[in-house]
Amino acid sequence: MRLFADLPPPCIPAPGCPLLAKPVPAGSPAPADDRCEGRLSLDQYLVDDQESTFLVRAAGNSMTGFGIHDGDLLVVDRARRAADRSIVVAAIDGEFTVKQFCRIPDGVLLRAGASGHRDILVGEGQQLAVWGVVTSSIHPLA
């Protein structure tokens, strides 16, 4: 059995993690290939605009239907405009939440992504500030 520690040194001495040249099948096994395509910085992969991007940790389970779980690290881009149905980090009357941004005839609905959690209809007297659009969710598998 070959362990990761047995792999040859990275192809290119640069920041980031080694990126194997051949994708690993999620179905039937395929012949192993440990050739390195190069190095991948997660910043390059996950961040479009470094100056306008921040990370925040999700708390709670109201967004599991959208792939966001308690403790996930969210990548949020403040430069992106919130489009209908995008996932956003927003402040409602000064309180933060992460929800799906939905334009409706009555205004804006911030939709939860799990049953048992309420949607938020932003009323006329409330202040809504969209802090950014969630572009990725990073969560551990164990």
C-alpha atoms as a PDB file:
ATOM      1  CA  MET A   1       0.000   0.000   0.000  1.00  0.00           C
ATOM      2  CA  ARG A   2       1.344   3.417  -0.991  1.00  0.00           C
ATOM      3  CA  LEU A   3       0.880   6.349   1.344  1.00  0.00           C
ATOM      4  CA  PHE A   4       0.800  10.039   0.475  1.00  0.00           C
ATOM      5  CA  ALA A   5       4.169  10.433   2.213  1.00  0.00           C
ATOM      6  CA  ASP A   6       5.637   8.138  -0.478  1.00  0.00           C
ATOM      7  CA  LEU A   7       4.715  10.547  -3.293  1.00  0.00           C
ATOM      8  CA  PRO A   8       7.549  12.348  -5.048  1.00  0.00           C
ATOM      9  CA  PRO A   9       8.181  15.958  -4.044  1.00  0.00           C
ATOM     10  CA  PRO A  10       5.874  18.566  -5.640  1.00  0.00           C
ATOM     11  CA  CYS A  11       6.563  19.363  -9.279  1.00  0.00           C
ATOM     12  CA  ILE A  12       6.797  23.122  -8.825  1.00  0.00           C
ATOM     13  CA  PRO A  13       8.141  24.646  -5.608  1.00  0.00           C
ATOM     14  CA  ALA A  14       5.389  27.195  -4.943  1.00  0.00           C
ATOM     15  CA  PRO A  15       2.670  27.895  -2.403  1.00  0.00           C
ATOM     16  CA  GLY A  16      -0.373  25.680  -2.453  1.00  0.00           C
ATOM     17  CA  CYS A  17      -1.019  21.948  -2.419  1.00  0.00           C
ATOM     18  CA  PRO A  18       0.040  19.395  -5.036  1.00  0.00           C
ATOM     19  CA  LEU A  19      -2.666  18.817  -7.656  1.00  0.00           C
ATOM     20  CA  LEU A  20      -2.605  15.333  -9.136  1.00  0.00           C
ATOM     21  CA  ALA A  21      -2.763  15.283 -12.927  1.00  0.00           C
ATOM     22  CA  LYS A  22      -5.504  12.659 -13.204  1.00  0.00           C
ATOM     23  CA  PRO A  23      -8.898  13.009 -11.450  1.00  0.00           C
ATOM     24  CA  VAL A  24      -9.756  10.298  -8.932  1.00  0.00           C
ATOM     25  CA  PRO A  25     -12.875   8.365  -9.967  1.00  0.00           C
ATOM     26  CA  ALA A  26     -15.737   8.492  -7.486  1.00  0.00           C
ATOM     27  CA  GLY A  27     -17.202   5.337  -9.039  1.00  0.00           C
ATOM     28  CA  SER A  28     -15.236   2.274 -10.125  1.00  0.00           C
ATOM     29  CA  PRO A  29     -11.527   2.224  -9.223  1.00  0.00           C
ATOM     30  CA  ALA A  30      -9.013   3.094 -11.942  1.00  0.00           C
ATOM     31  CA  PRO A  31      -5.245   2.609 -12.205  1.00  0.00           C
ATOM     32  CA  ALA A  32      -3.371   4.855  -9.808  1.00  0.00           C
ATOM     33  CA  ASP A  33      -1.414   7.769 -11.246  1.00  0.00           C
ATOM     34  CA  ASP A  34       0.578   9.953  -8.875  1.00  0.00           C
ATOM     35  CA  ARG A  35       1.949  12.377 -11.472  1.00  0.00           C
ATOM     36  CA  CYS A  36       1.644  15.965 -10.357  1.00  0.00           C
ATOM     37  CA  GLU A  37      -0.011  18.535 -12.634  1.00  0.00           C
ATOM     38  CA  GLY A  38       1.315  21.417 -10.564  1.00  0.00           C
ATOM     39  CA  ARG A  39       0.355  23.154  -7.362  1.00  0.00           C
ATOM     40  CA  LEU A  40      -3.009  24.629  -6.532  1.00  0.00           C
ATOM     41  CA  SER A  41      -3.568  27.458  -4.106  1.00  0.00           C
ATOM     42  CA  LEU A  42      -7.071  27.374  -2.692  1.00  0.00           C
ATOM     43  CA  ASP A  43      -7.081  31.180  -2.973  1.00  0.00           C
ATOM     44  CA  GLN A  44      -6.667  30.840  -6.746  1.00  0.00           C
ATOM     45  CA  TYR A  45      -9.361  28.170  -6.916  1.00  0.00           C
ATOM     46  CA  LEU A  46     -11.974  29.712  -4.597  1.00  0.00           C
ATOM     47  CA  VAL A  47     -11.404  33.477  -4.733  1.00  0.00           C
ATOM     48  CA  ASP A  48     -12.219  35.633  -7.775  1.00  0.00           C
ATOM     49  CA  ASP A  49     -11.475  39.019  -6.176  1.00  0.00           C
ATOM     50  CA  GLN A  50      -9.073  38.845  -3.245  1.00  0.00           C
ATOM     51  CA  GLU A  51      -9.720  42.430  -2.148  1.00  0.00           C
ATOM     52  CA  SER A  52     -13.468  41.917  -1.805  1.00  0.00           C
ATOM     53  CA  THR A  53     -13.535  38.364  -0.450  1.00  0.00           C
ATOM     54  CA  PHE A  54     -13.775  37.298   3.173  1.00  0.00           C
ATOM     55  CA  LEU A  55     -14.335  34.047   5.054  1.00  0.00           C
ATOM     56  CA  VAL A  56     -16.965  33.438   7.723  1.00  0.00           C
ATOM     57  CA  ARG A  57     -17.975  30.316   9.621  1.00  0.00           C
ATOM     58  CA  ALA A  58     -21.602  29.144   9.378  1.00  0.00           C
ATOM     59  CA  ALA A  59     -23.498  28.407  12.594  1.00  0.00           C
ATOM     60  CA  GLY A  60     -26.621  26.272  12.650  1.00  0.00           C
ATOM     61  CA  ASN A  61     -28.361  23.910  10.242  1.00  0.00           C
ATOM     62  CA  SER A  62     -30.876  26.102   8.420  1.00  0.00           C
ATOM     63  CA  MET A  63     -28.984  25.886   5.101  1.00  0.00           C
ATOM     64  CA  THR A  64     -28.196  22.173   4.795  1.00  0.00           C
ATOM     65  CA  GLY A  65     -30.417  21.894   1.709  1.00  0.00           C
ATOM     66  CA  PHE A  66     -27.979  24.238  -0.042  1.00  0.00           C
ATOM     67  CA  GLY A  67     -24.896  22.303   1.100  1.00  0.00           C
ATOM     68  CA  ILE A  68     -24.031  24.601   4.008  1.00  0.00           C
ATOM     69  CA  HIS A  69     -23.596  22.856   7.358  1.00  0.00           C
ATOM     70  CA  ASP A  70     -22.884  23.963  10.916  1.00  0.00           C
ATOM     71  CA  GLY A  71     -19.206  24.932  11.181  1.00  0.00           C
ATOM     72  CA  ASP A  72     -18.601  25.238   7.425  1.00  0.00           C
ATOM     73  CA  LEU A  73     -16.229  27.912   6.233  1.00  0.00           C
ATOM     74  CA  LEU A  74     -18.016  30.160   3.729  1.00  0.00           C
ATOM     75  CA  VAL A  75     -16.202  32.102   1.006  1.00  0.00           C
ATOM     76  CA  VAL A  76     -18.072  35.393   0.535  1.00  0.00           C
ATOM     77  CA  ASP A  77     -17.514  37.896  -2.296  1.00  0.00           C
ATOM     78  CA  ARG A  78     -18.626  41.447  -1.503  1.00  0.00           C
ATOM     79  CA  ALA A  79     -18.099  42.583  -5.110  1.00  0.00           C
ATOM     80  CA  ARG A  80     -20.741  40.242  -6.538  1.00  0.00           C
ATOM     81  CA  ARG A  81     -24.241  41.604  -6.864  1.00  0.00           C
ATOM     82  CA  ALA A  82     -26.877  39.459  -5.190  1.00  0.00           C
ATOM     83  CA  ALA A  83     -28.898  37.890  -7.987  1.00  0.00           C
ATOM     84  CA  ASP A  84     -32.256  36.239  -7.441  1.00  0.00           C
ATOM     85  CA  ARG A  85     -31.743  32.859  -5.734  1.00  0.00           C
ATOM     86  CA  SER A  86     -28.084  33.446  -4.817  1.00  0.00           C
ATOM     87  CA  ILE A  87     -26.912  32.559  -1.311  1.00  0.00           C
ATOM     88  CA  VAL A  88     -25.952  35.661   0.658  1.00  0.00           C
ATOM     89  CA  VAL A  89     -24.633  36.794   3.992  1.00  0.00           C
ATOM     90  CA  ALA A  90     -26.997  39.553   5.063  1.00  0.00           C
ATOM     91  CA  ALA A  91     -27.740  41.727   8.045  1.00  0.00           C
ATOM     92  CA  ILE A  92     -31.373  42.356   8.951  1.00  0.00           C
ATOM     93  CA  ASP A  93     -31.749  45.175  11.445  1.00  0.00           C
ATOM     94  CA  GLY A  94     -28.115  44.586  12.408  1.00  0.00           C
ATOM     95  CA  GLU A  95     -28.369  40.787  12.881  1.00  0.00           C
ATOM     96  CA  PHE A  96     -26.440  38.451  10.575  1.00  0.00           C
ATOM     97  CA  THR A  97     -27.814  35.486   8.672  1.00  0.00           C
ATOM     98  CA  VAL A  98     -26.959  33.349   5.667  1.00  0.00           C
ATOM     99  CA  LYS A  99     -29.943  32.627   3.424  1.00  0.00           C
ATOM    100  CA  GLN A 100     -31.050  32.325  -0.198  1.00  0.00           C
ATOM    101  CA  PHE A 101     -31.867  35.787  -1.574  1.00  0.00           C
ATOM    102  CA  CYS A 102     -35.217  35.731  -3.412  1.00  0.00           C
ATOM    103  CA  ARG A 103     -36.882  38.681  -5.113  1.00  0.00           C
ATOM    104  CA  ILE A 104     -40.661  38.488  -4.786  1.00  0.00           C
ATOM    105  CA  PRO A 105     -43.464  40.957  -5.617  1.00  0.00           C
ATOM    106  CA  ASP A 106     -43.602  42.033  -1.955  1.00  0.00           C
ATOM    107  CA  GLY A 107     -39.850  42.757  -1.812  1.00  0.00           C
ATOM    108  CA  VAL A 108     -37.202  40.314  -0.613  1.00  0.00           C
ATOM    109  CA  LEU A 109     -37.557  36.877   0.943  1.00  0.00           C
ATOM    110  CA  LEU A 110     -34.536  35.342   2.643  1.00  0.00           C
ATOM    111  CA  ARG A 111     -35.188  31.640   2.274  1.00  0.00           C
ATOM    112  CA  ALA A 112     -33.931  28.936   4.618  1.00  0.00           C
ATOM    113  CA  GLY A 113     -32.613  25.725   3.095  1.00  0.00           C
ATOM    114  CA  ALA A 114     -33.939  23.180   5.582  1.00  0.00           C
ATOM    115  CA  SER A 115     -37.348  22.196   6.864  1.00  0.00           C
ATOM    116  CA  GLY A 116     -38.119  23.366  10.362  1.00  0.00           C
ATOM    117  CA  HIS A 117     -36.393  26.708   9.773  1.00  0.00           C
ATOM    118  CA  ARG A 118     -38.335  29.803   8.899  1.00  0.00           C
ATOM    119  CA  ASP A 119     -37.919  32.030   5.876  1.00  0.00           C
ATOM    120  CA  ILE A 120     -37.556  35.742   6.525  1.00  0.00           C
ATOM    121  CA  LEU A 121     -39.752  38.190   4.647  1.00  0.00           C
ATOM    122  CA  VAL A 122     -37.952  41.514   4.839  1.00  0.00           C
ATOM    123  CA  GLY A 123     -40.634  44.011   5.781  1.00  0.00           C
ATOM    124  CA  GLU A 124     -40.993  47.652   4.877  1.00  0.00           C
ATOM    125  CA  GLY A 125     -39.689  48.895   8.228  1.00  0.00           C
ATOM    126  CA  GLN A 126     -36.677  46.604   8.320  1.00  0.00           C
ATOM    127  CA  GLN A 127     -33.142  47.378   7.207  1.00  0.00           C
ATOM    128  CA  LEU A 128     -31.501  44.815   4.929  1.00  0.00           C
ATOM    129  CA  ALA A 129     -27.811  44.973   4.090  1.00  0.00           C
ATOM    130  CA  VAL A 130     -26.342  42.258   1.856  1.00  0.00           C
ATOM    131  CA  TRP A 131     -22.728  41.800   2.911  1.00  0.00           C
ATOM    132  CA  GLY A 132     -21.825  39.523   0.031  1.00  0.00           C
ATOM    133  CA  VAL A 133     -22.605  36.488  -2.084  1.00  0.00           C
ATOM    134  CA  VAL A 134     -21.491  33.069  -0.844  1.00  0.00           C
ATOM    135  CA  THR A 135     -19.400  31.489  -3.599  1.00  0.00           C
ATOM    136  CA  SER A 136     -18.198  28.337  -1.812  1.00  0.00           C
ATOM    137  CA  SER A 137     -18.749  26.304   1.319  1.00  0.00           C
ATOM    138  CA  ILE A 138     -15.850  24.318   2.752  1.00  0.00           C
ATOM    139  CA  HIS A 139     -16.655  21.572   5.215  1.00  0.00           C
ATOM    140  CA  PRO A 140     -14.768  18.673   6.710  1.00  0.00           C
ATOM    141  CA  LEU A 141     -15.978  15.176   5.848  1.00  0.00           C
ATOM    142  CA  ALA A 142     -15.272  13.707   9.278  1.00  0.00           C
END
